Structure formats: C-alpha cells, structure tokens
Amino acid sequence: MSNASEPKKPLEVMPRDQLDQHLIEFMKSHNVCVLATTKDNIPRATSLEYEAEGTTLYIMVDRGRKIENMRANSQISVAIHDPLHGWLTVKGIQITAQAKLLTDSDAEYSGTWKIFNRSNAGKEGWDTPPKDRTFLIIKPQKIELIETALREKGYKMQQVWEAQS
C-alpha cells in the first residue's frame, strides 16, 4: 500500500521497441481509418478500409476528391481509434505521412495488392488485382498515440513515435 506522503513516480516515455510493438498491434486490431487530405485550403476526411503491415498502411481508394487532393498536396493525416466508453477508454493514433499513390501501371502494384488482399483472400471477386484502381501507401513520418490506460502502467498517456532514417 502506498503512503500518501510518498512522491509519485514520474510517468515515463515508453521504450521504442515496446512502443513499436504496441502501435503495430493496435493498427492490426483495426481495419478502418479516417484519411484527412486538403487542397486549396478545403479539407476532406474520408473513412477507409486498410490493411497494416508493420506501421505501414495499405488502402485501395476509388476515384474522387481525396485522390485529387493528394496529387495536389501529398501531406496527409490519418486517425485510427477505439470506441469511447468513458475517459479511461480513450485510445487512438494520429499519423502524419506523405501519400504514395500507385496505379496498375506501377511495378509495386501487384505486391501491394497481395498485402491489401490478405483479409479478402479466397472471397469471390478478389482473386486478381483490379484494373483502373489506385492504392495509397502510408509510411508514417510520425505517429501520435493517446491512451489513458497507459498511466496505469507507469507511462505517459501521450506517446510520440517518429520514423527512423
């Protein structure tokens, strides 16, 4: 039992290897994100299905304003979060990245399809890569995590991950 007069131990930054694993598990446990783009000072936020491999996200995107926005301004933000059931359940990440768009004429398209399609493998209509579609690859420059439950483990509830060169 702790003594009320004892000073509280300061909350810590999570060690990098532990933060890497924590973020990867969180990203793999979800499959929908919100992609934020902008063009001419007009923002757009779109909910999209994704597949994660490590901290990289793979998204198949339809034609639309989001692609036009990313071609004009490749700096994007992505949010992934748990449902909120009270203050102690706050958990989510915000990713800052440069958008990388691939079309079926790009050499990486087929490999990207295989990664994206893992969760749909064997389903009808998902056996070959579609033509005339665009993939978005998101390799984070920065991931900001907020998770109130981390305090119980002695960590700050806000953690920042930055890509290593």
Protein backbone atom coordinates (compact mmCIF):
# COMPACT_ATOMS: atom_id res chain seq x y z
CA MET A 1 0.00 0.00 0.00
CA SER A 2 1.46 3.35 -0.93
CA ASN A 3 1.89 6.14 1.50
CA ALA A 4 0.09 9.38 0.55
CA SER A 5 3.20 11.37 1.55
CA GLU A 6 5.43 9.43 -0.87
CA PRO A 7 6.17 11.39 -4.05
CA LYS A 8 4.58 9.91 -7.15
CA LYS A 9 6.98 8.39 -9.62
CA PRO A 10 7.02 10.50 -12.81
CA LEU A 11 5.34 8.91 -15.80
CA GLU A 12 7.72 7.59 -18.44
CA VAL A 13 8.07 7.57 -22.19
CA MET A 14 7.53 4.03 -23.44
CA PRO A 15 10.75 2.37 -24.72
CA ARG A 16 10.94 2.46 -28.55
CA ASP A 17 10.77 -1.31 -29.09
CA GLN A 18 7.75 -1.59 -26.81
CA LEU A 19 6.06 1.40 -28.49
CA ASP A 20 6.72 -0.13 -31.94
CA GLN A 21 5.02 -3.37 -30.90
CA HIS A 22 2.15 -1.56 -29.15
CA LEU A 23 1.41 0.53 -32.27
CA ILE A 24 1.68 -2.44 -34.64
CA GLU A 25 -0.76 -4.49 -32.53
CA PHE A 26 -3.18 -1.56 -32.34
CA MET A 27 -3.07 -0.96 -36.10
CA LYS A 28 -3.54 -4.67 -36.87
CA SER A 29 -6.52 -4.88 -34.48
CA HIS A 30 -8.43 -2.32 -36.58
CA ASN A 31 -9.27 -2.10 -40.27
CA VAL A 32 -10.90 1.33 -40.71
CA CYS A 33 -9.19 4.69 -40.56
CA VAL A 34 -10.09 8.30 -41.32
CA LEU A 35 -7.88 9.85 -44.00
CA ALA A 36 -7.59 13.66 -43.97
CA THR A 37 -6.45 15.46 -47.12
CA THR A 38 -6.59 19.06 -48.28
CA LYS A 39 -6.47 21.08 -51.47
CA ASP A 40 -6.85 24.83 -51.84
CA ASN A 41 -7.46 25.09 -48.07
CA ILE A 42 -10.52 22.83 -48.31
CA PRO A 43 -10.16 19.77 -46.02
CA ARG A 44 -11.65 16.34 -46.69
CA ALA A 45 -11.93 13.46 -44.21
CA THR A 46 -12.80 10.01 -45.56
CA SER A 47 -13.35 6.71 -43.73
CA LEU A 48 -11.50 3.89 -45.49
CA GLU A 49 -10.67 0.21 -45.01
CA TYR A 50 -6.96 -0.55 -44.66
CA GLU A 51 -4.53 -3.41 -44.22
CA ALA A 52 -1.49 -2.90 -41.97
CA GLU A 53 1.96 -4.38 -42.32
CA GLY A 54 4.17 -3.13 -39.52
CA THR A 55 3.38 0.57 -39.23
CA THR A 56 2.64 0.91 -42.97
CA LEU A 57 -0.99 1.14 -44.12
CA TYR A 58 -2.27 -0.05 -47.50
CA ILE A 59 -5.55 1.33 -48.81
CA MET A 60 -7.39 0.79 -52.11
CA VAL A 61 -9.02 4.10 -52.97
CA ASP A 62 -11.73 4.91 -55.51
CA ARG A 63 -11.64 7.92 -57.73
CA GLY A 64 -12.72 11.09 -56.01
CA ARG A 65 -11.70 14.25 -54.31
CA LYS A 66 -9.27 12.55 -51.92
CA ILE A 67 -7.04 11.40 -54.80
CA GLU A 68 -7.19 14.83 -56.42
CA ASN A 69 -6.29 16.37 -53.05
CA MET A 70 -3.30 14.02 -52.54
CA ARG A 71 -1.98 14.74 -56.03
CA ALA A 72 -2.08 18.45 -55.19
CA ASN A 73 -0.79 18.08 -51.61
CA SER A 74 0.74 14.75 -50.61
CA GLN A 75 0.94 15.64 -46.89
CA ILE A 76 -1.83 13.68 -45.16
CA SER A 77 -3.09 12.74 -41.72
CA VAL A 78 -4.77 9.51 -40.66
CA ALA A 79 -6.71 8.73 -37.47
CA ILE A 80 -7.50 5.31 -36.01
CA HIS A 81 -9.32 4.98 -32.69
CA ASP A 82 -11.22 2.73 -30.35
CA PRO A 83 -14.86 3.46 -29.46
CA LEU A 84 -15.13 5.76 -26.46
CA HIS A 85 -16.79 4.32 -23.35
CA GLY A 86 -15.59 6.92 -20.86
CA TRP A 87 -12.40 8.80 -20.09
CA LEU A 88 -10.46 5.66 -19.10
CA THR A 89 -11.02 4.09 -22.54
CA VAL A 90 -9.50 6.87 -24.68
CA LYS A 91 -7.19 5.19 -27.20
CA GLY A 92 -6.24 6.29 -30.67
CA ILE A 93 -3.47 7.32 -33.01
CA GLN A 94 -2.88 10.14 -35.42
CA ILE A 95 -0.45 9.51 -38.27
CA THR A 96 1.39 12.18 -40.25
CA ALA A 97 2.72 10.98 -43.61
CA GLN A 98 3.38 11.66 -47.27
CA ALA A 99 0.86 9.95 -49.53
CA LYS A 100 2.22 7.50 -52.09
CA LEU A 101 -0.28 6.65 -54.80
CA LEU A 102 0.10 3.60 -57.06
CA THR A 103 -1.84 2.74 -60.21
CA ASP A 104 -1.96 -0.60 -62.01
CA SER A 105 0.91 0.57 -64.28
CA ASP A 106 3.31 0.83 -61.28
CA ALA A 107 5.72 -2.06 -60.63
CA GLU A 108 4.74 -2.21 -56.92
CA TYR A 109 1.01 -2.55 -57.68
CA SER A 110 0.82 -6.37 -57.69
CA GLY A 111 2.77 -6.72 -54.41
CA THR A 112 0.64 -4.04 -52.79
CA TRP A 113 -2.49 -5.89 -53.92
CA LYS A 114 -1.25 -9.07 -52.21
CA ILE A 115 -0.75 -7.21 -48.92
CA PHE A 116 -4.10 -5.41 -49.12
CA ASN A 117 -5.97 -8.53 -50.18
CA ARG A 118 -4.81 -10.79 -47.29
CA SER A 119 -8.09 -10.37 -45.40
CA ASN A 120 -10.16 -10.98 -48.58
CA ALA A 121 -8.19 -13.94 -49.97
CA GLY A 122 -10.45 -16.70 -51.20
CA LYS A 123 -13.52 -14.48 -51.48
CA GLU A 124 -15.25 -14.32 -54.85
CA GLY A 125 -14.02 -11.46 -57.00
CA TRP A 126 -10.81 -10.95 -55.01
CA ASP A 127 -8.53 -13.38 -56.86
CA THR A 128 -6.82 -10.90 -59.23
CA PRO A 129 -5.80 -7.26 -58.83
CA PRO A 130 -8.43 -4.90 -60.19
CA LYS A 131 -7.61 -2.62 -63.11
CA ASP A 132 -8.04 1.14 -63.01
CA ARG A 133 -7.82 1.35 -59.21
CA THR A 134 -5.39 3.31 -57.07
CA PHE A 135 -3.57 2.16 -53.97
CA LEU A 136 -2.46 4.50 -51.24
CA ILE A 137 0.61 3.51 -49.26
CA ILE A 138 1.05 5.33 -45.96
CA LYS A 139 4.51 5.08 -44.37
CA PRO A 140 4.25 7.22 -41.24
CA GLN A 141 6.69 10.01 -40.54
CA LYS A 142 5.13 10.44 -37.11
CA ILE A 143 2.54 8.57 -35.03
CA GLU A 144 0.97 10.23 -32.00
CA LEU A 145 -0.68 7.83 -29.55
CA ILE A 146 -3.09 8.82 -26.82
CA GLU A 147 -4.15 6.08 -24.43
CA THR A 148 -5.34 6.86 -20.93
CA ALA A 149 -4.76 3.27 -19.72
CA LEU A 150 -1.00 3.70 -20.19
CA ARG A 151 -0.90 5.75 -16.97
CA GLU A 152 -1.73 2.60 -15.00
CA LYS A 153 1.42 1.02 -16.47
CA GLY A 154 3.60 3.99 -15.48
CA TYR A 155 3.72 5.58 -18.94
CA LYS A 156 2.61 8.98 -20.17
CA MET A 157 -0.77 8.73 -21.86
CA GLN A 158 0.62 10.58 -24.89
CA GLN A 159 3.45 8.86 -26.75
CA VAL A 160 5.15 10.02 -29.95
CA TRP A 161 6.77 7.69 -32.48
CA GLU A 162 8.92 9.13 -35.27
CA ALA A 163 10.29 7.27 -38.27
CA GLN A 164 13.95 6.43 -38.05
CA SER A 165 16.16 7.12 -41.06
